[in-house]
Amino acid sequence: QCTASIAEDIPELPADLARHSYYIAAEAINNACRHGRAANIQILLRSDDENLYLSIHNDGEPFDADTRPEGIGLRSMHYRTLLMNGALYINSGQTGEGPGISCTFPLSGTENPA
């Protein structure tokens, strides 16, 4: 089951920010299903005057971030976040609250050259 909580006051996003945040969300959901075997996934999207906040958490299996090799999916999430001058936080689920990611992006949506 996948649930989404999307704030009503999110402004229209620049195209590059919308595209990169979409692909980050898709990869996080794919990882939760494929690797974590999650039964429940929660997506949260909100903003304030300066930033967009995206969080995706699940009840799947935790992983050890220190010993698990970072796959292409996690690398692509990091890359897309950096392109948008954002920050990506990965929770391996070892703390008991379930694995997930949280991203913060400036609403300016200016993409860094790769």
C-alpha atoms as a PDB file:
ATOM      1  CA  GLN A   1       0.000   0.000   0.000  1.00  0.00           C
ATOM      2  CA  CYS A   2       1.332   3.404  -0.945  1.00  0.00           C
ATOM      3  CA  THR A   3      -0.051   6.588   0.584  1.00  0.00           C
ATOM      4  CA  ALA A   4       0.806  10.162  -0.303  1.00  0.00           C
ATOM      5  CA  SER A   5       0.394  13.338   1.678  1.00  0.00           C
ATOM      6  CA  ILE A   6       0.874  16.334  -0.591  1.00  0.00           C
ATOM      7  CA  ALA A   7       0.503  19.846   0.756  1.00  0.00           C
ATOM      8  CA  GLU A   8      -2.029  21.949  -1.103  1.00  0.00           C
ATOM      9  CA  ASP A   9       0.099  25.087  -1.144  1.00  0.00           C
ATOM     10  CA  ILE A  10       3.037  23.775  -3.187  1.00  0.00           C
ATOM     11  CA  PRO A  11       3.783  26.295  -5.935  1.00  0.00           C
ATOM     12  CA  GLU A  12       4.233  25.295  -9.559  1.00  0.00           C
ATOM     13  CA  LEU A  13       7.697  23.769  -9.719  1.00  0.00           C
ATOM     14  CA  PRO A  14      10.378  24.537 -12.281  1.00  0.00           C
ATOM     15  CA  ALA A  15      10.465  21.708 -14.837  1.00  0.00           C
ATOM     16  CA  ASP A  16      13.930  20.475 -13.859  1.00  0.00           C
ATOM     17  CA  LEU A  17      13.011  20.313 -10.169  1.00  0.00           C
ATOM     18  CA  ALA A  18       9.754  18.481 -10.924  1.00  0.00           C
ATOM     19  CA  ARG A  19      11.577  15.980 -13.157  1.00  0.00           C
ATOM     20  CA  HIS A  20      14.431  15.232 -10.739  1.00  0.00           C
ATOM     21  CA  SER A  21      12.190  14.961  -7.677  1.00  0.00           C
ATOM     22  CA  TYR A  22       9.886  12.598  -9.608  1.00  0.00           C
ATOM     23  CA  TYR A  23      12.770  10.287 -10.552  1.00  0.00           C
ATOM     24  CA  ILE A  24      14.161  10.334  -7.007  1.00  0.00           C
ATOM     25  CA  ALA A  25      10.734   9.349  -5.662  1.00  0.00           C
ATOM     26  CA  ALA A  26      10.355   6.603  -8.268  1.00  0.00           C
ATOM     27  CA  GLU A  27      13.774   5.167  -7.392  1.00  0.00           C
ATOM     28  CA  ALA A  28      13.069   5.261  -3.642  1.00  0.00           C
ATOM     29  CA  ILE A  29       9.745   3.463  -4.153  1.00  0.00           C
ATOM     30  CA  ASN A  30      11.395   0.898  -6.426  1.00  0.00           C
ATOM     31  CA  ASN A  31      14.134   0.261  -3.843  1.00  0.00           C
ATOM     32  CA  ALA A  32      11.573  -0.138  -1.051  1.00  0.00           C
ATOM     33  CA  CYS A  33       9.672  -2.755  -3.048  1.00  0.00           C
ATOM     34  CA  ARG A  34      12.568  -4.583  -4.682  1.00  0.00           C
ATOM     35  CA  HIS A  35      15.196  -4.629  -1.950  1.00  0.00           C
ATOM     36  CA  GLY A  36      13.299  -3.925   1.263  1.00  0.00           C
ATOM     37  CA  ARG A  37      10.169  -5.888   0.413  1.00  0.00           C
ATOM     38  CA  ALA A  38       8.073  -3.092   1.913  1.00  0.00           C
ATOM     39  CA  ALA A  39       4.346  -3.600   2.385  1.00  0.00           C
ATOM     40  CA  ASN A  40       3.646   0.074   3.140  1.00  0.00           C
ATOM     41  CA  ILE A  41       5.212   3.198   1.662  1.00  0.00           C
ATOM     42  CA  GLN A  42       4.466   6.755   2.714  1.00  0.00           C
ATOM     43  CA  ILE A  43       5.251   9.762   0.492  1.00  0.00           C
ATOM     44  CA  LEU A  44       5.257  13.272   1.957  1.00  0.00           C
ATOM     45  CA  LEU A  45       5.641  16.401  -0.168  1.00  0.00           C
ATOM     46  CA  ARG A  46       5.535  19.923   1.229  1.00  0.00           C
ATOM     47  CA  SER A  47       7.180  23.294   0.778  1.00  0.00           C
ATOM     48  CA  ASP A  48       7.832  26.578   2.472  1.00  0.00           C
ATOM     49  CA  ASP A  49       8.808  29.907   0.910  1.00  0.00           C
ATOM     50  CA  GLU A  50      12.260  28.680  -0.098  1.00  0.00           C
ATOM     51  CA  ASN A  51      12.376  24.874  -0.238  1.00  0.00           C
ATOM     52  CA  LEU A  52      10.620  21.756  -1.423  1.00  0.00           C
ATOM     53  CA  TYR A  53      10.678  18.790   0.976  1.00  0.00           C
ATOM     54  CA  LEU A  54      10.236  15.211  -0.226  1.00  0.00           C
ATOM     55  CA  SER A  55      10.215  12.245   2.157  1.00  0.00           C
ATOM     56  CA  ILE A  56       9.594   8.613   1.354  1.00  0.00           C
ATOM     57  CA  HIS A  57       9.544   6.065   4.164  1.00  0.00           C
ATOM     58  CA  ASN A  58       8.542   2.427   4.291  1.00  0.00           C
ATOM     59  CA  ASP A  59       8.175  -0.560   6.572  1.00  0.00           C
ATOM     60  CA  GLY A  60      10.648  -2.694   4.641  1.00  0.00           C
ATOM     61  CA  GLU A  61      13.754  -4.433   5.853  1.00  0.00           C
ATOM     62  CA  PRO A  62      16.530  -2.212   7.214  1.00  0.00           C
ATOM     63  CA  PHE A  63      19.930  -2.303   5.585  1.00  0.00           C
ATOM     64  CA  ASP A  64      23.444  -1.620   6.803  1.00  0.00           C
ATOM     65  CA  ALA A  65      24.571   1.527   5.036  1.00  0.00           C
ATOM     66  CA  ASP A  66      28.204   0.847   5.976  1.00  0.00           C
ATOM     67  CA  THR A  67      28.446  -2.618   4.412  1.00  0.00           C
ATOM     68  CA  ARG A  68      25.849  -2.541   1.634  1.00  0.00           C
ATOM     69  CA  PRO A  69      27.387  -1.381  -1.634  1.00  0.00           C
ATOM     70  CA  GLU A  70      25.738   1.729  -3.043  1.00  0.00           C
ATOM     71  CA  GLY A  71      23.945   0.713  -6.203  1.00  0.00           C
ATOM     72  CA  ILE A  72      23.234   2.782  -9.264  1.00  0.00           C
ATOM     73  CA  GLY A  73      19.816   3.790  -7.863  1.00  0.00           C
ATOM     74  CA  LEU A  74      21.273   5.443  -4.757  1.00  0.00           C
ATOM     75  CA  ARG A  75      24.026   7.045  -6.837  1.00  0.00           C
ATOM     76  CA  SER A  76      21.454   8.465  -9.245  1.00  0.00           C
ATOM     77  CA  MET A  77      19.443   9.894  -6.317  1.00  0.00           C
ATOM     78  CA  HIS A  78      22.589  11.574  -4.971  1.00  0.00           C
ATOM     79  CA  TYR A  79      23.457  12.888  -8.431  1.00  0.00           C
ATOM     80  CA  ARG A  80      19.981  14.308  -9.098  1.00  0.00           C
ATOM     81  CA  THR A  81      19.930  15.950  -5.666  1.00  0.00           C
ATOM     82  CA  LEU A  82      23.301  17.587  -6.263  1.00  0.00           C
ATOM     83  CA  LEU A  83      22.182  18.812  -9.689  1.00  0.00           C
ATOM     84  CA  MET A  84      19.348  20.690  -7.979  1.00  0.00           C
ATOM     85  CA  ASN A  85      21.535  22.151  -5.188  1.00  0.00           C
ATOM     86  CA  GLY A  86      19.628  19.959  -2.745  1.00  0.00           C
ATOM     87  CA  ALA A  87      20.399  17.666   0.145  1.00  0.00           C
ATOM     88  CA  LEU A  88      19.618  13.950   0.381  1.00  0.00           C
ATOM     89  CA  TYR A  89      19.375  12.078   3.666  1.00  0.00           C
ATOM     90  CA  ILE A  90      19.176   8.293   3.683  1.00  0.00           C
ATOM     91  CA  ASN A  91      17.808   6.438   6.692  1.00  0.00           C
ATOM     92  CA  SER A  92      18.875   2.798   6.595  1.00  0.00           C
ATOM     93  CA  GLY A  93      16.144   1.802   9.035  1.00  0.00           C
ATOM     94  CA  GLN A  94      18.622   0.619  11.661  1.00  0.00           C
ATOM     95  CA  THR A  95      17.071   2.990  14.221  1.00  0.00           C
ATOM     96  CA  GLY A  96      13.753   1.128  14.163  1.00  0.00           C
ATOM     97  CA  GLU A  97      11.739   3.734  12.293  1.00  0.00           C
ATOM     98  CA  GLY A  98      11.983   2.033   8.916  1.00  0.00           C
ATOM     99  CA  PRO A  99      14.148   2.837   5.919  1.00  0.00           C
ATOM    100  CA  GLY A 100      13.584   5.901   3.806  1.00  0.00           C
ATOM    101  CA  ILE A 101      14.909   9.059   2.241  1.00  0.00           C
ATOM    102  CA  SER A 102      14.368  12.756   2.772  1.00  0.00           C
ATOM    103  CA  CYS A 103      15.318  15.460   0.291  1.00  0.00           C
ATOM    104  CA  THR A 104      15.390  19.229   0.501  1.00  0.00           C
ATOM    105  CA  PHE A 105      15.546  21.308  -2.691  1.00  0.00           C
ATOM    106  CA  PRO A 106      15.602  25.072  -3.168  1.00  0.00           C
ATOM    107  CA  LEU A 107      12.448  26.122  -5.008  1.00  0.00           C
ATOM    108  CA  SER A 108      14.523  28.191  -7.431  1.00  0.00           C
ATOM    109  CA  GLY A 109      15.063  24.904  -9.268  1.00  0.00           C
ATOM    110  CA  THR A 110      18.286  26.023 -10.899  1.00  0.00           C
ATOM    111  CA  GLU A 111      20.068  22.984 -12.249  1.00  0.00           C
ATOM    112  CA  ASN A 112      23.832  22.799 -11.822  1.00  0.00           C
ATOM    113  CA  PRO A 113      25.763  21.951 -14.973  1.00  0.00           C
ATOM    114  CA  ALA A 114      26.952  18.343 -14.808  1.00  0.00           C
END
